[in-house]
Amino acid sequence: MPSSATALAAVAAVQKASFMGRSQIAKDANRVEEAHLFIMFNTVANLGLICWQPDVLGTIESIYNPLHEHLAISTFKTVATAFEYTFMNADLSFLSNYSFLVKLYQSFVFGLMAEKARKEGKATGGIAC
């Protein structure tokens, strides 16, 4: 499937989940314009990834995880500069501080998401796309 078709399918899935209200992240995704969701998912698909799924139980320095880090930070910055995260009171002054964004990302992924994966008893990479 071409990357744009994959991205459109992912956007549709997120929008469907947002209306079903299964998670706060899904609900918040409904507040982001469809075009910006497409940019995020298309970026992932263009790199040949099926989905954004870092190895939360792996090492930060693996070849796989820095790719996901870069994807997350770059797409976050792109969408944030379009004021799509104002509902979260995102402080745009931090967008120019890359090392701070890396620390936030790593804390979220290798802290919060990893702990969630451990609690759920999931295998490495087991958090669903």
C-alpha atoms as a PDB file:
ATOM      1  CA  MET A   1       0.000   0.000   0.000  1.00  0.00           C
ATOM      2  CA  PRO A   2       1.444   3.451  -0.871  1.00  0.00           C
ATOM      3  CA  SER A   3       2.491   5.548   2.109  1.00  0.00           C
ATOM      4  CA  SER A   4      -0.245   8.131   1.526  1.00  0.00           C
ATOM      5  CA  ALA A   5      -2.924   5.418   1.574  1.00  0.00           C
ATOM      6  CA  THR A   6      -1.403   3.974   4.749  1.00  0.00           C
ATOM      7  CA  ALA A   7      -1.393   7.426   6.333  1.00  0.00           C
ATOM      8  CA  LEU A   8      -5.004   8.103   5.348  1.00  0.00           C
ATOM      9  CA  ALA A   9      -6.059   4.763   6.831  1.00  0.00           C
ATOM     10  CA  ALA A  10      -4.219   5.595  10.068  1.00  0.00           C
ATOM     11  CA  VAL A  11      -5.877   9.021  10.249  1.00  0.00           C
ATOM     12  CA  ALA A  12      -9.290   7.412   9.751  1.00  0.00           C
ATOM     13  CA  ALA A  13      -8.559   4.890  12.511  1.00  0.00           C
ATOM     14  CA  VAL A  14      -7.488   7.637  14.928  1.00  0.00           C
ATOM     15  CA  GLN A  15     -10.552   9.705  14.115  1.00  0.00           C
ATOM     16  CA  LYS A  16     -12.802   6.692  14.670  1.00  0.00           C
ATOM     17  CA  ALA A  17     -11.112   5.946  18.001  1.00  0.00           C
ATOM     18  CA  SER A  18     -11.462   9.584  19.045  1.00  0.00           C
ATOM     19  CA  PHE A  19     -15.213   9.435  18.592  1.00  0.00           C
ATOM     20  CA  MET A  20     -15.384   6.206  20.582  1.00  0.00           C
ATOM     21  CA  GLY A  21     -13.506   7.908  23.442  1.00  0.00           C
ATOM     22  CA  ARG A  22     -11.248   4.997  24.360  1.00  0.00           C
ATOM     23  CA  SER A  23      -8.285   7.051  25.563  1.00  0.00           C
ATOM     24  CA  GLN A  24      -7.438  10.653  26.318  1.00  0.00           C
ATOM     25  CA  ILE A  25      -4.829  10.635  23.561  1.00  0.00           C
ATOM     26  CA  ALA A  26      -7.451   9.485  21.050  1.00  0.00           C
ATOM     27  CA  LYS A  27      -9.901  12.122  22.271  1.00  0.00           C
ATOM     28  CA  ASP A  28      -7.240  14.822  21.966  1.00  0.00           C
ATOM     29  CA  ALA A  29      -6.348  13.644  18.460  1.00  0.00           C
ATOM     30  CA  ASN A  30      -9.836  14.705  17.414  1.00  0.00           C
ATOM     31  CA  ARG A  31      -8.807  18.282  18.210  1.00  0.00           C
ATOM     32  CA  VAL A  32      -5.926  18.200  15.711  1.00  0.00           C
ATOM     33  CA  GLU A  33      -6.744  19.041  12.107  1.00  0.00           C
ATOM     34  CA  GLU A  34      -6.937  16.075   9.756  1.00  0.00           C
ATOM     35  CA  ALA A  35      -4.209  17.560   7.540  1.00  0.00           C
ATOM     36  CA  HIS A  36      -1.782  17.640  10.458  1.00  0.00           C
ATOM     37  CA  LEU A  37      -2.622  14.079  11.478  1.00  0.00           C
ATOM     38  CA  PHE A  38      -1.923  13.107   7.875  1.00  0.00           C
ATOM     39  CA  ILE A  39       1.489  14.826   8.002  1.00  0.00           C
ATOM     40  CA  MET A  40       2.404  12.813  11.102  1.00  0.00           C
ATOM     41  CA  PHE A  41       1.256   9.439   9.781  1.00  0.00           C
ATOM     42  CA  ASN A  42       2.626  10.062   6.299  1.00  0.00           C
ATOM     43  CA  THR A  43       6.051  10.855   7.752  1.00  0.00           C
ATOM     44  CA  VAL A  44       6.032   7.510   9.554  1.00  0.00           C
ATOM     45  CA  ALA A  45       4.836   5.639   6.450  1.00  0.00           C
ATOM     46  CA  ASN A  46       7.371   7.347   4.166  1.00  0.00           C
ATOM     47  CA  LEU A  47      10.139   5.867   6.292  1.00  0.00           C
ATOM     48  CA  GLY A  48       8.758   2.385   5.707  1.00  0.00           C
ATOM     49  CA  LEU A  49       7.337   1.952   9.189  1.00  0.00           C
ATOM     50  CA  ILE A  50       3.904   0.424   9.626  1.00  0.00           C
ATOM     51  CA  CYS A  51       3.319   2.586  12.678  1.00  0.00           C
ATOM     52  CA  TRP A  52       5.114   4.659  15.280  1.00  0.00           C
ATOM     53  CA  GLN A  53       6.026   2.001  17.820  1.00  0.00           C
ATOM     54  CA  PRO A  54       9.260   2.559  19.729  1.00  0.00           C
ATOM     55  CA  ASP A  55      10.779  -0.366  21.593  1.00  0.00           C
ATOM     56  CA  VAL A  56       9.879   1.011  25.022  1.00  0.00           C
ATOM     57  CA  LEU A  57      11.573  -1.854  26.845  1.00  0.00           C
ATOM     58  CA  GLY A  58      14.715  -1.658  24.716  1.00  0.00           C
ATOM     59  CA  THR A  59      17.639   0.699  24.919  1.00  0.00           C
ATOM     60  CA  ILE A  60      17.395   4.377  24.095  1.00  0.00           C
ATOM     61  CA  GLU A  61      20.532   4.123  21.932  1.00  0.00           C
ATOM     62  CA  SER A  62      19.395   1.340  19.586  1.00  0.00           C
ATOM     63  CA  ILE A  63      19.186   2.148  15.881  1.00  0.00           C
ATOM     64  CA  TYR A  64      15.412   1.739  15.981  1.00  0.00           C
ATOM     65  CA  ASN A  65      14.548   4.010  18.922  1.00  0.00           C
ATOM     66  CA  PRO A  66      16.363   7.213  17.851  1.00  0.00           C
ATOM     67  CA  LEU A  67      14.442   7.062  14.556  1.00  0.00           C
ATOM     68  CA  HIS A  68      11.175   7.087  16.492  1.00  0.00           C
ATOM     69  CA  GLU A  69      12.488   9.868  18.720  1.00  0.00           C
ATOM     70  CA  HIS A  70      13.332  12.020  15.717  1.00  0.00           C
ATOM     71  CA  LEU A  71       9.957  11.311  14.099  1.00  0.00           C
ATOM     72  CA  ALA A  72       8.057  12.210  17.241  1.00  0.00           C
ATOM     73  CA  ILE A  73       9.962  15.411  17.931  1.00  0.00           C
ATOM     74  CA  SER A  74      10.009  16.668  14.346  1.00  0.00           C
ATOM     75  CA  THR A  75       6.312  16.028  13.743  1.00  0.00           C
ATOM     76  CA  PHE A  76       5.452  17.476  17.165  1.00  0.00           C
ATOM     77  CA  LYS A  77       7.351  20.652  16.303  1.00  0.00           C
ATOM     78  CA  THR A  78       5.673  20.889  12.890  1.00  0.00           C
ATOM     79  CA  VAL A  79       2.188  20.518  14.297  1.00  0.00           C
ATOM     80  CA  ALA A  80       2.839  22.655  17.384  1.00  0.00           C
ATOM     81  CA  THR A  81       4.050  25.577  15.270  1.00  0.00           C
ATOM     82  CA  ALA A  82       0.666  25.432  13.518  1.00  0.00           C
ATOM     83  CA  PHE A  83      -0.904  26.005  16.985  1.00  0.00           C
ATOM     84  CA  GLU A  84      -2.597  22.606  16.955  1.00  0.00           C
ATOM     85  CA  TYR A  85      -1.705  21.858  20.579  1.00  0.00           C
ATOM     86  CA  THR A  86      -3.055  25.056  22.130  1.00  0.00           C
ATOM     87  CA  PHE A  87      -5.762  22.995  23.854  1.00  0.00           C
ATOM     88  CA  MET A  88      -2.955  21.382  25.882  1.00  0.00           C
ATOM     89  CA  ASN A  89      -1.436  24.770  26.749  1.00  0.00           C
ATOM     90  CA  ALA A  90       1.759  23.767  24.960  1.00  0.00           C
ATOM     91  CA  ASP A  91       4.511  26.312  25.607  1.00  0.00           C
ATOM     92  CA  LEU A  92       5.898  27.016  22.144  1.00  0.00           C
ATOM     93  CA  SER A  93       9.000  28.699  23.560  1.00  0.00           C
ATOM     94  CA  PHE A  94      10.417  25.220  24.244  1.00  0.00           C
ATOM     95  CA  LEU A  95      10.279  24.199  20.579  1.00  0.00           C
ATOM     96  CA  SER A  96      13.709  25.682  19.925  1.00  0.00           C
ATOM     97  CA  ASN A  97      15.241  23.748  22.833  1.00  0.00           C
ATOM     98  CA  TYR A  98      15.906  20.387  21.174  1.00  0.00           C
ATOM     99  CA  SER A  99      17.711  18.859  24.154  1.00  0.00           C
ATOM    100  CA  PHE A 100      14.712  19.657  26.368  1.00  0.00           C
ATOM    101  CA  LEU A 101      12.337  18.039  23.862  1.00  0.00           C
ATOM    102  CA  VAL A 102      14.556  14.938  23.796  1.00  0.00           C
ATOM    103  CA  LYS A 103      14.403  14.728  27.600  1.00  0.00           C
ATOM    104  CA  LEU A 104      10.611  15.074  27.554  1.00  0.00           C
ATOM    105  CA  TYR A 105      10.296  12.444  24.838  1.00  0.00           C
ATOM    106  CA  GLN A 106      12.607   9.980  26.573  1.00  0.00           C
ATOM    107  CA  SER A 107      10.836  10.484  29.894  1.00  0.00           C
ATOM    108  CA  PHE A 108       7.468   9.828  28.274  1.00  0.00           C
ATOM    109  CA  VAL A 109       8.526   6.831  26.181  1.00  0.00           C
ATOM    110  CA  PHE A 110      11.082   5.129  28.404  1.00  0.00           C
ATOM    111  CA  GLY A 111       9.389   6.148  31.629  1.00  0.00           C
ATOM    112  CA  LEU A 112       5.616   6.323  31.352  1.00  0.00           C
ATOM    113  CA  MET A 113       5.081   4.093  28.299  1.00  0.00           C
ATOM    114  CA  ALA A 114       7.664   1.536  29.451  1.00  0.00           C
ATOM    115  CA  GLU A 115       6.077   1.327  32.892  1.00  0.00           C
ATOM    116  CA  LYS A 116       2.672   0.849  31.308  1.00  0.00           C
ATOM    117  CA  ALA A 117       4.073  -1.945  29.122  1.00  0.00           C
ATOM    118  CA  ARG A 118       5.650  -3.646  32.132  1.00  0.00           C
ATOM    119  CA  LYS A 119       2.423  -3.414  34.125  1.00  0.00           C
ATOM    120  CA  GLU A 120       0.446  -4.898  31.258  1.00  0.00           C
ATOM    121  CA  GLY A 121       2.957  -7.730  30.982  1.00  0.00           C
ATOM    122  CA  LYS A 122       3.550  -6.973  27.322  1.00  0.00           C
ATOM    123  CA  ALA A 123       6.544  -8.212  25.367  1.00  0.00           C
ATOM    124  CA  THR A 124       9.022  -5.776  23.832  1.00  0.00           C
ATOM    125  CA  GLY A 125       7.209  -3.692  21.249  1.00  0.00           C
ATOM    126  CA  GLY A 126       3.909  -4.975  22.567  1.00  0.00           C
ATOM    127  CA  ILE A 127       2.162  -1.639  22.872  1.00  0.00           C
ATOM    128  CA  ALA A 128      -0.226  -1.682  19.941  1.00  0.00           C
ATOM    129  CA  CYS A 129      -0.084   0.782  17.067  1.00  0.00           C
END
